[in-house]
PDB file of N, CA and C in Angstrom:
ATOM      1  N   MET A   1       7.295  -8.364  14.470  1.00  0.00           N
ATOM      2  CA  MET A   1       7.011  -7.575  13.294  1.00  0.00           C
ATOM      3  C   MET A   1       5.948  -8.233  12.416  1.00  0.00           C
ATOM      4  N   LEU A   2       5.931  -9.552  12.403  1.00  0.00           N
ATOM      5  CA  LEU A   2       4.959 -10.247  11.575  1.00  0.00           C
ATOM      6  C   LEU A   2       3.536  -9.966  12.055  1.00  0.00           C
ATOM      7  N   SER A   3       3.364  -9.799  13.369  1.00  0.00           N
ATOM      8  CA  SER A   3       2.020  -9.533  13.877  1.00  0.00           C
ATOM      9  C   SER A   3       1.506  -8.175  13.400  1.00  0.00           C
ATOM     10  N   PHE A   4       2.384  -7.165  13.300  1.00  0.00           N
ATOM     11  CA  PHE A   4       1.954  -5.865  12.774  1.00  0.00           C
ATOM     12  C   PHE A   4       1.513  -6.002  11.317  1.00  0.00           C
ATOM     13  N   PHE A   5       2.256  -6.782  10.551  1.00  0.00           N
ATOM     14  CA  PHE A   5       1.909  -7.004   9.156  1.00  0.00           C
ATOM     15  C   PHE A   5       0.569  -7.722   9.044  1.00  0.00           C
ATOM     16  N   LEU A   6       0.375  -8.748   9.867  1.00  0.00           N
ATOM     17  CA  LEU A   6      -0.854  -9.520   9.799  1.00  0.00           C
ATOM     18  C   LEU A   6      -2.062  -8.735  10.297  1.00  0.00           C
ATOM     19  N   ILE A   7      -1.842  -7.713  11.086  1.00  0.00           N
ATOM     20  CA  ILE A   7      -2.939  -6.857  11.533  1.00  0.00           C
ATOM     21  C   ILE A   7      -3.262  -5.802  10.482  1.00  0.00           C
ATOM     22  N   SER A   8      -2.224  -5.186   9.907  1.00  0.00           N
ATOM     23  CA  SER A   8      -2.474  -4.088   8.979  1.00  0.00           C
ATOM     24  C   SER A   8      -2.914  -4.571   7.593  1.00  0.00           C
ATOM     25  N   LEU A   9      -2.569  -5.785   7.209  1.00  0.00           N
ATOM     26  CA  LEU A   9      -2.979  -6.287   5.903  1.00  0.00           C
ATOM     27  C   LEU A   9      -4.500  -6.407   5.778  1.00  0.00           C
ATOM     28  N   PRO A  10      -5.206  -7.044   6.713  1.00  0.00           N
ATOM     29  CA  PRO A  10      -6.671  -7.092   6.577  1.00  0.00           C
ATOM     30  C   PRO A  10      -7.318  -5.703   6.670  1.00  0.00           C
ATOM     31  N   ILE A  11      -6.729  -4.822   7.459  1.00  0.00           N
ATOM     32  CA  ILE A  11      -7.261  -3.463   7.544  1.00  0.00           C
ATOM     33  C   ILE A  11      -7.134  -2.767   6.199  1.00  0.00           C
ATOM     34  N   ALA A  12      -5.982  -2.921   5.554  1.00  0.00           N
ATOM     35  CA  ALA A  12      -5.774  -2.305   4.241  1.00  0.00           C
ATOM     36  C   ALA A  12      -6.696  -2.927   3.190  1.00  0.00           C
ATOM     37  N   LEU A  13      -6.872  -4.234   3.241  1.00  0.00           N
ATOM     38  CA  LEU A  13      -7.766  -4.884   2.280  1.00  0.00           C
ATOM     39  C   LEU A  13      -9.208  -4.440   2.457  1.00  0.00           C
ATOM     40  N   PHE A  14      -9.657  -4.316   3.702  1.00  0.00           N
ATOM     41  CA  PHE A  14     -11.015  -3.849   3.953  1.00  0.00           C
ATOM     42  C   PHE A  14     -11.182  -2.389   3.519  1.00  0.00           C
ATOM     43  N   ALA A  15     -10.182  -1.565   3.785  1.00  0.00           N
ATOM     44  CA  ALA A  15     -10.260  -0.163   3.368  1.00  0.00           C
ATOM     45  C   ALA A  15     -10.261  -0.050   1.845  1.00  0.00           C
ATOM     46  N   ALA A  16      -9.507  -0.901   1.163  1.00  0.00           N
ATOM     47  CA  ALA A  16      -9.515  -0.892  -0.304  1.00  0.00           C
ATOM     48  C   ALA A  16     -10.873  -1.325  -0.836  1.00  0.00           C
ATOM     49  N   TRP A  17     -11.472  -2.321  -0.208  1.00  0.00           N
ATOM     50  CA  TRP A  17     -12.814  -2.739  -0.601  1.00  0.00           C
ATOM     51  C   TRP A  17     -13.818  -1.616  -0.359  1.00  0.00           C
ATOM     52  N   LEU A  18     -13.695  -0.946   0.780  1.00  0.00           N
ATOM     53  CA  LEU A  18     -14.584   0.166   1.088  1.00  0.00           C
ATOM     54  C   LEU A  18     -14.399   1.304   0.094  1.00  0.00           C
ATOM     55  N   TYR A  19     -13.157   1.562  -0.311  1.00  0.00           N
ATOM     56  CA  TYR A  19     -12.879   2.595  -1.303  1.00  0.00           C
ATOM     57  C   TYR A  19     -13.565   2.268  -2.636  1.00  0.00           C
ATOM     58  N   ALA A  20     -13.528   1.002  -3.018  1.00  0.00           N
ATOM     59  CA  ALA A  20     -14.123   0.605  -4.295  1.00  0.00           C
ATOM     60  C   ALA A  20     -15.647   0.660  -4.263  1.00  0.00           C
ATOM     61  N   ASN A  21     -16.233   0.470  -3.096  1.00  0.00           N
ATOM     62  CA  ASN A  21     -17.695   0.382  -3.007  1.00  0.00           C
ATOM     63  C   ASN A  21     -18.359   1.598  -2.381  1.00  0.00           C
ATOM     64  N   ALA A  22     -17.602   2.583  -1.956  1.00  0.00           N
ATOM     65  CA  ALA A  22     -18.183   3.747  -1.285  1.00  0.00           C
ATOM     66  C   ALA A  22     -18.765   4.704  -2.320  1.00  0.00           C
ATOM     67  N   SER A  23     -19.834   5.375  -1.910  1.00  0.00           N
ATOM     68  CA  SER A  23     -20.456   6.349  -2.805  1.00  0.00           C
ATOM     69  C   SER A  23     -20.167   7.786  -2.360  1.00  0.00           C
ATOM     70  N   GLU A  24     -19.878   7.977  -1.101  1.00  0.00           N
ATOM     71  CA  GLU A  24     -19.593   9.319  -0.594  1.00  0.00           C
ATOM     72  C   GLU A  24     -18.116   9.648  -0.740  1.00  0.00           C
ATOM     73  N   GLU A  25     -17.823  10.915  -0.977  1.00  0.00           N
ATOM     74  CA  GLU A  25     -16.449  11.344  -1.213  1.00  0.00           C
ATOM     75  C   GLU A  25     -15.578  11.223   0.038  1.00  0.00           C
ATOM     76  N   MET A  26     -16.122  11.567   1.202  1.00  0.00           N
ATOM     77  CA  MET A  26     -15.332  11.503   2.437  1.00  0.00           C
ATOM     78  C   MET A  26     -14.961  10.068   2.785  1.00  0.00           C
ATOM     79  N   GLU A  27     -15.857   9.141   2.569  1.00  0.00           N
ATOM     80  CA  GLU A  27     -15.535   7.733   2.821  1.00  0.00           C
ATOM     81  C   GLU A  27     -14.396   7.273   1.917  1.00  0.00           C
ATOM     82  N   ARG A  28     -14.413   7.705   0.663  1.00  0.00           N
ATOM     83  CA  ARG A  28     -13.366   7.328  -0.280  1.00  0.00           C
ATOM     84  C   ARG A  28     -12.030   7.943   0.116  1.00  0.00           C
ATOM     85  N   VAL A  29     -12.033   9.195   0.563  1.00  0.00           N
ATOM     86  CA  VAL A  29     -10.793   9.864   0.962  1.00  0.00           C
ATOM     87  C   VAL A  29     -10.200   9.185   2.189  1.00  0.00           C
ATOM     88  N   PHE A  30     -11.013   8.906   3.192  1.00  0.00           N
ATOM     89  CA  PHE A  30     -10.512   8.258   4.400  1.00  0.00           C
ATOM     90  C   PHE A  30     -10.034   6.839   4.113  1.00  0.00           C
ATOM     91  N   SER A  31     -10.735   6.131   3.258  1.00  0.00           N
ATOM     92  CA  SER A  31     -10.314   4.775   2.901  1.00  0.00           C
ATOM     93  C   SER A  31      -8.973   4.793   2.185  1.00  0.00           C
ATOM     94  N   LEU A  32      -8.803   5.726   1.278  1.00  0.00           N
ATOM     95  CA  LEU A  32      -7.537   5.834   0.563  1.00  0.00           C
ATOM     96  C   LEU A  32      -6.403   6.218   1.500  1.00  0.00           C
ATOM     97  N   ALA A  33      -6.678   7.073   2.471  1.00  0.00           N
ATOM     98  CA  ALA A  33      -5.658   7.444   3.453  1.00  0.00           C
ATOM     99  C   ALA A  33      -5.251   6.234   4.302  1.00  0.00           C
ATOM    100  N   ILE A  34      -6.210   5.423   4.690  1.00  0.00           N
ATOM    101  CA  ILE A  34      -5.915   4.234   5.487  1.00  0.00           C
ATOM    102  C   ILE A  34      -5.101   3.236   4.678  1.00  0.00           C
ATOM    103  N   VAL A  35      -5.473   3.028   3.418  1.00  0.00           N
ATOM    104  CA  VAL A  35      -4.716   2.106   2.566  1.00  0.00           C
ATOM    105  C   VAL A  35      -3.284   2.598   2.389  1.00  0.00           C
ATOM    106  N   SER A  36      -3.121   3.893   2.157  1.00  0.00           N
ATOM    107  CA  SER A  36      -1.782   4.454   1.976  1.00  0.00           C
ATOM    108  C   SER A  36      -0.945   4.295   3.237  1.00  0.00           C
ATOM    109  N   LEU A  37      -1.530   4.591   4.385  1.00  0.00           N
ATOM    110  CA  LEU A  37      -0.817   4.463   5.648  1.00  0.00           C
ATOM    111  C   LEU A  37      -0.414   3.017   5.924  1.00  0.00           C
ATOM    112  N   CYS A  38      -1.309   2.085   5.683  1.00  0.00           N
ATOM    113  CA  CYS A  38      -0.995   0.674   5.909  1.00  0.00           C
ATOM    114  C   CYS A  38       0.097   0.193   4.962  1.00  0.00           C
ATOM    115  N   CYS A  39       0.049   0.619   3.709  1.00  0.00           N
ATOM    116  CA  CYS A  39       1.082   0.205   2.759  1.00  0.00           C
ATOM    117  C   CYS A  39       2.442   0.767   3.146  1.00  0.00           C
ATOM    118  N   LEU A  40       2.489   2.019   3.540  1.00  0.00           N
ATOM    119  CA  LEU A  40       3.754   2.604   3.972  1.00  0.00           C
ATOM    120  C   LEU A  40       4.292   1.916   5.220  1.00  0.00           C
ATOM    121  N   MET A  41       3.400   1.598   6.149  1.00  0.00           N
ATOM    122  CA  MET A  41       3.822   0.928   7.369  1.00  0.00           C
ATOM    123  C   MET A  41       4.344  -0.475   7.059  1.00  0.00           C
ATOM    124  N   ASN A  42       3.683  -1.190   6.143  1.00  0.00           N
ATOM    125  CA  ASN A  42       4.134  -2.537   5.789  1.00  0.00           C
ATOM    126  C   ASN A  42       5.480  -2.505   5.085  1.00  0.00           C
ATOM    127  N   VAL A  43       5.719  -1.506   4.257  1.00  0.00           N
ATOM    128  CA  VAL A  43       7.019  -1.393   3.598  1.00  0.00           C
ATOM    129  C   VAL A  43       8.096  -1.065   4.627  1.00  0.00           C
ATOM    130  N   ALA A  44       7.778  -0.242   5.606  1.00  0.00           N
ATOM    131  CA  ALA A  44       8.761   0.154   6.607  1.00  0.00           C
ATOM    132  C   ALA A  44       9.162  -1.013   7.512  1.00  0.00           C
ATOM    133  N   ILE A  45       8.242  -1.924   7.797  1.00  0.00           N
ATOM    134  CA  ILE A  45       8.563  -3.022   8.709  1.00  0.00           C
ATOM    135  C   ILE A  45       8.969  -4.291   7.969  1.00  0.00           C
ATOM    136  N   ALA A  46       9.006  -4.240   6.642  1.00  0.00           N
ATOM    137  CA  ALA A  46       9.402  -5.414   5.859  1.00  0.00           C
ATOM    138  C   ALA A  46      10.898  -5.672   6.034  1.00  0.00           C
ATOM    139  N   PRO A  47      11.319  -6.916   5.912  1.00  0.00           N
ATOM    140  CA  PRO A  47      12.754  -7.217   5.961  1.00  0.00           C
ATOM    141  C   PRO A  47      13.480  -6.556   4.788  1.00  0.00           C
ATOM    142  N   TRP A  48      14.790  -6.364   4.921  1.00  0.00           N
ATOM    143  CA  TRP A  48      15.521  -5.609   3.912  1.00  0.00           C
ATOM    144  C   TRP A  48      15.530  -6.253   2.530  1.00  0.00           C
ATOM    145  N   PRO A  49      15.501  -7.587   2.378  1.00  0.00           N
ATOM    146  CA  PRO A  49      15.438  -8.115   1.005  1.00  0.00           C
ATOM    147  C   PRO A  49      14.133  -7.742   0.292  1.00  0.00           C
ATOM    148  N   ILE A  50      13.041  -7.711   1.025  1.00  0.00           N
ATOM    149  CA  ILE A  50      11.761  -7.315   0.436  1.00  0.00           C
ATOM    150  C   ILE A  50      11.785  -5.828   0.111  1.00  0.00           C
ATOM    151  N   GLN A  51      12.361  -5.012   0.986  1.00  0.00           N
ATOM    152  CA  GLN A  51      12.481  -3.582   0.702  1.00  0.00           C
ATOM    153  C   GLN A  51      13.338  -3.342  -0.533  1.00  0.00           C
ATOM    154  N   LEU A  52      14.425  -4.088  -0.668  1.00  0.00           N
ATOM    155  CA  LEU A  52      15.277  -3.969  -1.844  1.00  0.00           C
ATOM    156  C   LEU A  52      14.530  -4.379  -3.105  1.00  0.00           C
ATOM    157  N   GLY A  53      13.746  -5.427  -3.022  1.00  0.00           N
ATOM    158  CA  GLY A  53      12.940  -5.858  -4.165  1.00  0.00           C
ATOM    159  C   GLY A  53      11.914  -4.813  -4.574  1.00  0.00           C
ATOM    160  N   ILE A  54      11.280  -4.193  -3.602  1.00  0.00           N
ATOM    161  CA  ILE A  54      10.312  -3.132  -3.890  1.00  0.00           C
ATOM    162  C   ILE A  54      11.012  -1.947  -4.531  1.00  0.00           C
ATOM    163  N   LEU A  55      12.168  -1.584  -4.009  1.00  0.00           N
ATOM    164  CA  LEU A  55      12.926  -0.469  -4.574  1.00  0.00           C
ATOM    165  C   LEU A  55      13.316  -0.737  -6.020  1.00  0.00           C
ATOM    166  N   LEU A  56      13.826  -1.937  -6.303  1.00  0.00           N
ATOM    167  CA  LEU A  56      14.201  -2.276  -7.669  1.00  0.00           C
ATOM    168  C   LEU A  56      12.989  -2.310  -8.593  1.00  0.00           C
ATOM    169  N   PHE A  57      11.884  -2.813  -8.096  1.00  0.00           N
ATOM    170  CA  PHE A  57      10.654  -2.837  -8.887  1.00  0.00           C
ATOM    171  C   PHE A  57      10.219  -1.423  -9.261  1.00  0.00           C
ATOM    172  N   VAL A  58      10.228  -0.523  -8.296  1.00  0.00           N
ATOM    173  CA  VAL A  58       9.825   0.859  -8.559  1.00  0.00           C
ATOM    174  C   VAL A  58      10.793   1.537  -9.516  1.00  0.00           C
ATOM    175  N   LEU A  59      12.080   1.310  -9.337  1.00  0.00           N
ATOM    176  CA  LEU A  59      13.061   1.936 -10.224  1.00  0.00           C
ATOM    177  C   LEU A  59      12.902   1.470 -11.663  1.00  0.00           C
ATOM    178  N   PHE A  60      12.707   0.171 -11.876  1.00  0.00           N
ATOM    179  CA  PHE A  60      12.616  -0.335 -13.241  1.00  0.00           C
ATOM    180  C   PHE A  60      11.275  -0.024 -13.894  1.00  0.00           C
ATOM    181  N   THR A  61      10.187  -0.010 -13.124  1.00  0.00           N
ATOM    182  CA  THR A  61       8.890   0.287 -13.730  1.00  0.00           C
ATOM    183  C   THR A  61       8.758   1.767 -14.050  1.00  0.00           C
ATOM    184  N   THR A  62       9.323   2.650 -13.224  1.00  0.00           N
ATOM    185  CA  THR A  62       9.225   4.073 -13.542  1.00  0.00           C
ATOM    186  C   THR A  62      10.120   4.430 -14.713  1.00  0.00           C
ATOM    187  N   ARG A  63      11.201   3.708 -14.903  1.00  0.00           N
ATOM    188  CA  ARG A  63      12.064   3.969 -16.061  1.00  0.00           C
ATOM    189  C   ARG A  63      11.307   3.651 -17.344  1.00  0.00           C
ATOM    190  N   ASN A  64      10.527   2.574 -17.358  1.00  0.00           N
ATOM    191  CA  ASN A  64       9.760   2.220 -18.546  1.00  0.00           C
ATOM    192  C   ASN A  64       8.614   3.194 -18.773  1.00  0.00           C
ATOM    193  N   VAL A  65       8.016   3.695 -17.735  1.00  0.00           N
ATOM    194  CA  VAL A  65       6.918   4.653 -17.876  1.00  0.00           C
ATOM    195  C   VAL A  65       7.446   5.981 -18.389  1.00  0.00           C
ATOM    196  N   ALA A  66       8.601   6.407 -17.903  1.00  0.00           N
ATOM    197  CA  ALA A  66       9.146   7.689 -18.324  1.00  0.00           C
ATOM    198  C   ALA A  66       9.604   7.662 -19.776  1.00  0.00           C
ATOM    199  N   ALA A  67       9.946   6.493 -20.301  1.00  0.00           N
ATOM    200  CA  ALA A  67      10.438   6.392 -21.676  1.00  0.00           C
ATOM    201  C   ALA A  67       9.295   6.502 -22.686  1.00  0.00           C
ATOM    202  N   THR A  68       8.063   6.230 -22.295  1.00  0.00           N
ATOM    203  CA  THR A  68       6.957   6.298 -23.247  1.00  0.00           C
ATOM    204  C   THR A  68       6.356   7.661 -23.333  1.00  0.00           C
TER     205      THR A  68
END
């Protein structure tokens, strides 16, 4: 599982860099799709303590956003 993470992380970082530096709309859309897919895949293959930490982080940060 670690090898999948180590492969998708540089791909996501490069796609994020491409998203920030692209001038065409299609390049930005495809880059954002790749980043989203890699992030979802990394969360899915993460060990359960990391998944639990991500879940708690999302729950507590959205509660603070909804209160404002």
